[in-house]
Each structure stands twice: as C-alpha cells, then as structure tokens.
Amino acid sequence: MLRQYKELHSESKGYGTSSLAFFDEVCDIIKNKKVASVLDYGCGKGLLSDALAKEFPDIVFYRYDPGMQTFRELPKDKVDLVICTDVIEHVPGEKIDDFLQTVSSFSQDAYFNISCRLATKLLKNGENAHCSVYPPRWWHAKLKQFYKRVIEIPTNDLTAGAFVTFEYESKMSLEEENAPVLYIPEKKNLY
C-alpha cells in the first residue's frame, strides 16, 4: 500500500498539499504552546512545515513522510509538538495502533486533523485513498488510548475531526453559529 501512496505523491502535483489549510490553526497552537521543536508527521510535500518555518524561524521543524523520498527519516529525539494533518485516515485499520504508538513516542503534545470521509483519490488498485474512515467520536476514543488528554476542537473542514492532546482554547468555538457540521458519506461496514 505504501508503494501506491508513493505513486500518488509522484504522479499528482496536488496530492500531499492539503495541510496548508491548517496553517492559521497550527500557528495559533505554536504561539500558545511556545514550542522549540515540531514534527510534521506525514508532511506530504512539506508545504505546511515550510510555511511554518518561515513564520517561526527560531523553531526546529522536522518533516516525515514515508511516501516522500526527501522526508523518510524520523528525528532521533523527542519534540515539543507533533502535527498530523490528513494522515491517519490513510493508515489501514490494523496498523492504526502501531501508527499512534510511534507518533505518541515523539511527544504527548499533538495536533491531529483527521478526515472522516472517503477521499476523492483512488489508489491504483481501485481502493479509496482514505482506508480508515470513522467519525470523530471514534477517533477521540482511539486517541485516548495513547494520550492522557484528548480535546476535540473546531475545524473549518466540515468532514473532519480535529484534536489536541493538551490544554488549548481554539479561536473558533464549537458552539458558534458557523461552526462546522460533520457529514459522513454512507459506506457499508464503515464503523
């Protein structure tokens, strides 16, 4: 399956670039947490970390994505914050625990934005690129198995769940009139 994701990265200019949509939220998190190091786990083409590095030149940014030749090396040390945007839904269900064990080993402070819908892209074998599609409440329970604290925060992506594993007040309220409404497409045996 990893080979197929590598092919998507190399063949599709836009694949692995969606994380820039989370720039403002991640900037706010970094400012509030006052971190010195950040790991962008599943960074795709690295656009979010590149933009963040320009915004915060004194912070060390690590980029990791097994589907990208240039970002295949994980840092050797722990970091202050892990960001993981539009990644975990690409991990097959039987590997989610291993994935979260690895991610949480770098920091207990993490930001996740997880798509809860089928992707528009298909892999070459015809499978949907989002192979683990679950509602936010499922992801919340799963993250709680690896982090002491998990807080769902608002997201501008109407088909996603966003979570932090530390105390944080988002600028957007879940109660706001314009807060996102979750839509999950029908799929047999989804949960």
Protein backbone atom coordinates (compact mmCIF):
# COMPACT_ATOMS: atom_id res chain seq x y z
CA MET A 1 0.00 0.00 0.00
CA LEU A 2 2.87 2.40 0.78
CA ARG A 3 4.09 1.94 -2.80
CA GLN A 4 0.72 3.14 -4.07
CA TYR A 5 0.87 6.26 -1.89
CA LYS A 6 4.38 6.96 -3.19
CA GLU A 7 3.00 6.76 -6.73
CA LEU A 8 0.20 9.20 -5.86
CA HIS A 9 2.76 11.65 -4.46
CA SER A 10 4.91 11.46 -7.58
CA GLU A 11 2.08 11.46 -10.14
CA SER A 12 -0.24 14.05 -8.61
CA LYS A 13 1.07 17.57 -8.14
CA GLY A 14 -1.65 18.43 -5.61
CA TYR A 15 -1.50 15.23 -3.57
CA GLY A 16 0.13 15.79 -0.18
CA THR A 17 -0.52 19.56 -0.15
CA SER A 18 -3.77 19.89 1.80
CA SER A 19 -2.05 20.66 5.11
CA LEU A 20 -1.64 24.35 4.24
CA ALA A 21 -5.34 24.74 5.05
CA PHE A 22 -4.39 24.28 8.72
CA PHE A 23 -1.70 26.98 8.78
CA ASP A 24 -3.62 29.50 10.91
CA GLU A 25 -4.72 26.94 13.50
CA VAL A 26 -1.24 25.44 13.81
CA CYS A 27 0.31 28.94 14.09
CA ASP A 28 -2.06 29.71 16.95
CA ILE A 29 -1.15 26.44 18.67
CA ILE A 30 2.58 27.09 18.30
CA LYS A 31 2.25 30.63 19.67
CA ASN A 32 0.22 29.41 22.67
CA LYS A 33 2.49 26.45 23.45
CA LYS A 34 5.78 28.29 22.94
CA VAL A 35 7.49 25.24 21.44
CA ALA A 36 11.11 24.87 20.32
CA SER A 37 10.66 21.82 18.06
CA VAL A 38 7.86 20.44 15.89
CA LEU A 39 7.48 17.21 13.95
CA ASP A 40 5.14 17.31 10.95
CA TYR A 41 4.33 13.59 10.84
CA GLY A 42 3.01 12.66 7.41
CA CYS A 43 4.04 16.01 5.98
CA GLY A 44 3.29 15.17 2.35
CA LYS A 45 5.25 17.58 0.20
CA GLY A 46 6.22 19.59 3.30
CA LEU A 47 4.34 22.78 2.41
CA LEU A 48 2.88 23.34 5.90
CA SER A 49 6.21 22.87 7.67
CA ASP A 50 7.96 25.07 5.12
CA ALA A 51 5.43 27.87 5.71
CA LEU A 52 5.64 27.42 9.49
CA ALA A 53 9.45 27.51 9.39
CA LYS A 54 9.28 30.89 7.66
CA GLU A 55 6.77 32.15 10.24
CA PHE A 56 8.78 30.78 13.20
CA PRO A 57 12.48 30.84 12.20
CA ASP A 58 13.67 30.03 15.75
CA ILE A 59 11.77 26.73 15.90
CA VAL A 60 13.25 23.48 14.61
CA PHE A 61 10.84 21.74 12.20
CA TYR A 62 11.20 18.08 11.35
CA ARG A 63 9.36 16.62 8.37
CA TYR A 64 8.47 12.98 7.98
CA ASP A 65 6.52 11.18 5.28
CA PRO A 66 7.30 7.61 4.23
CA GLY A 67 5.78 8.34 0.81
CA MET A 68 8.32 11.07 0.04
CA GLN A 69 11.98 10.26 -0.66
CA THR A 70 13.16 13.57 0.86
CA PHE A 71 11.27 13.13 4.15
CA ARG A 72 11.78 9.46 5.06
CA GLU A 73 13.93 9.99 8.14
CA LEU A 74 12.39 10.43 11.57
CA PRO A 75 14.11 12.65 14.16
CA LYS A 76 16.23 10.88 16.72
CA ASP A 77 14.94 12.96 19.65
CA LYS A 78 11.56 13.79 21.13
CA VAL A 79 9.90 17.05 20.07
CA ASP A 80 7.67 19.59 21.81
CA LEU A 81 4.76 19.16 19.40
CA VAL A 82 3.65 16.73 16.70
CA ILE A 83 1.30 17.90 13.96
CA CYS A 84 -0.51 15.27 11.93
CA THR A 85 -2.92 16.65 9.33
CA ASP A 86 -4.85 14.48 6.88
CA VAL A 87 -2.64 11.45 7.55
CA ILE A 88 -4.11 8.82 9.84
CA GLU A 89 -7.11 8.14 7.62
CA HIS A 90 -4.59 6.70 5.12
CA VAL A 91 -3.38 4.13 7.66
CA PRO A 92 -5.06 0.69 7.38
CA GLY A 93 -7.21 -0.13 10.40
CA GLU A 94 -4.98 -2.95 11.64
CA LYS A 95 -1.98 -0.57 11.71
CA ILE A 96 -3.59 2.42 13.47
CA ASP A 97 -2.40 1.35 16.94
CA ASP A 98 1.20 0.96 15.75
CA PHE A 99 0.97 4.32 13.98
CA LEU A 100 -0.30 6.10 17.10
CA GLN A 101 2.26 4.35 19.30
CA THR A 102 5.01 5.72 17.07
CA VAL A 103 3.56 9.23 16.84
CA SER A 104 2.95 9.48 20.59
CA SER A 105 6.52 8.34 21.30
CA PHE A 106 7.77 11.68 19.93
CA SER A 107 5.57 13.86 22.13
CA GLN A 108 2.47 13.71 24.31
CA ASP A 109 1.51 17.08 22.80
CA ALA A 110 -0.05 16.63 19.38
CA TYR A 111 -2.47 18.22 16.94
CA PHE A 112 -4.48 15.91 14.68
CA ASN A 113 -6.81 16.85 11.84
CA ILE A 114 -8.43 13.66 10.60
CA SER A 115 -10.63 13.40 7.54
CA CYS A 116 -13.83 11.46 8.25
CA ARG A 117 -14.92 10.93 4.66
CA LEU A 118 -13.88 8.98 1.62
CA ALA A 119 -11.15 10.61 -0.44
CA THR A 120 -11.59 11.89 -3.96
CA LYS A 121 -8.45 9.96 -4.96
CA LEU A 122 -8.29 6.25 -5.61
CA LEU A 123 -5.18 4.12 -5.38
CA LYS A 124 -4.08 2.24 -8.48
CA ASN A 125 -5.65 -0.93 -7.10
CA GLY A 126 -9.03 0.85 -7.06
CA GLU A 127 -9.22 1.26 -3.28
CA ASN A 128 -10.05 4.62 -1.79
CA ALA A 129 -7.00 6.55 -0.52
CA HIS A 130 -8.81 7.01 2.83
CA CYS A 131 -8.86 3.44 4.08
CA SER A 132 -9.78 4.28 7.70
CA VAL A 133 -12.92 6.39 7.71
CA TYR A 134 -14.53 6.77 11.15
CA PRO A 135 -16.49 9.53 12.90
CA PRO A 136 -14.76 11.98 15.26
CA ARG A 137 -16.09 10.20 18.37
CA TRP A 138 -14.33 7.00 17.23
CA TRP A 139 -11.06 8.87 16.67
CA HIS A 140 -11.41 10.58 20.05
CA ALA A 141 -11.69 7.20 21.79
CA LYS A 142 -8.78 5.79 19.77
CA LEU A 143 -6.51 8.76 20.56
CA LYS A 144 -7.38 8.40 24.28
CA GLN A 145 -5.66 5.01 24.20
CA PHE A 146 -2.34 6.77 23.51
CA TYR A 147 -2.68 10.23 25.06
CA LYS A 148 -3.66 11.25 28.59
CA ARG A 149 -5.77 14.16 27.36
CA VAL A 150 -7.67 14.48 24.08
CA ILE A 151 -9.79 17.53 23.30
CA GLU A 152 -11.85 17.88 20.15
CA ILE A 153 -11.53 21.37 18.70
CA PRO A 154 -13.43 23.06 15.88
CA THR A 155 -12.18 22.77 12.34
CA ASN A 156 -13.06 24.55 9.12
CA ASP A 157 -13.13 21.20 7.35
CA LEU A 158 -16.75 20.13 7.56
CA THR A 159 -15.87 16.47 7.06
CA ALA A 160 -13.07 16.15 9.61
CA GLY A 161 -12.34 15.89 13.29
CA ALA A 162 -9.61 17.99 14.90
CA PHE A 163 -8.00 17.11 18.21
CA VAL A 164 -5.27 18.35 20.53
CA THR A 165 -3.72 16.34 23.34
CA PHE A 166 -3.05 19.32 25.61
CA GLU A 167 -4.97 22.21 27.14
CA TYR A 168 -5.90 24.60 24.36
CA GLU A 169 -8.65 27.08 23.56
CA SER A 170 -9.29 27.39 19.86
CA LYS A 171 -10.20 30.77 18.45
CA MET A 172 -13.30 29.12 16.93
CA SER A 173 -15.96 27.80 19.27
CA LEU A 174 -17.80 24.53 18.73
CA GLU A 175 -20.95 26.42 19.74
CA GLU A 176 -20.54 29.20 17.17
CA GLU A 177 -23.38 29.60 14.75
CA ASN A 178 -20.99 28.97 11.85
CA ALA A 179 -19.22 26.03 13.45
CA PRO A 180 -18.77 23.09 11.09
CA VAL A 181 -21.32 20.34 10.79
CA LEU A 182 -19.94 16.87 10.25
CA TYR A 183 -21.04 14.94 7.19
CA ILE A 184 -20.01 11.33 6.77
CA PRO A 185 -20.90 9.64 3.49
CA GLU A 186 -22.63 6.30 3.58
CA LYS A 187 -20.43 3.25 3.32
CA LYS A 188 -21.29 -0.26 4.40
CA ASN A 189 -19.32 -1.51 7.42
CA LEU A 190 -17.91 1.96 7.99
CA TYR A 191 -17.75 1.62 11.76
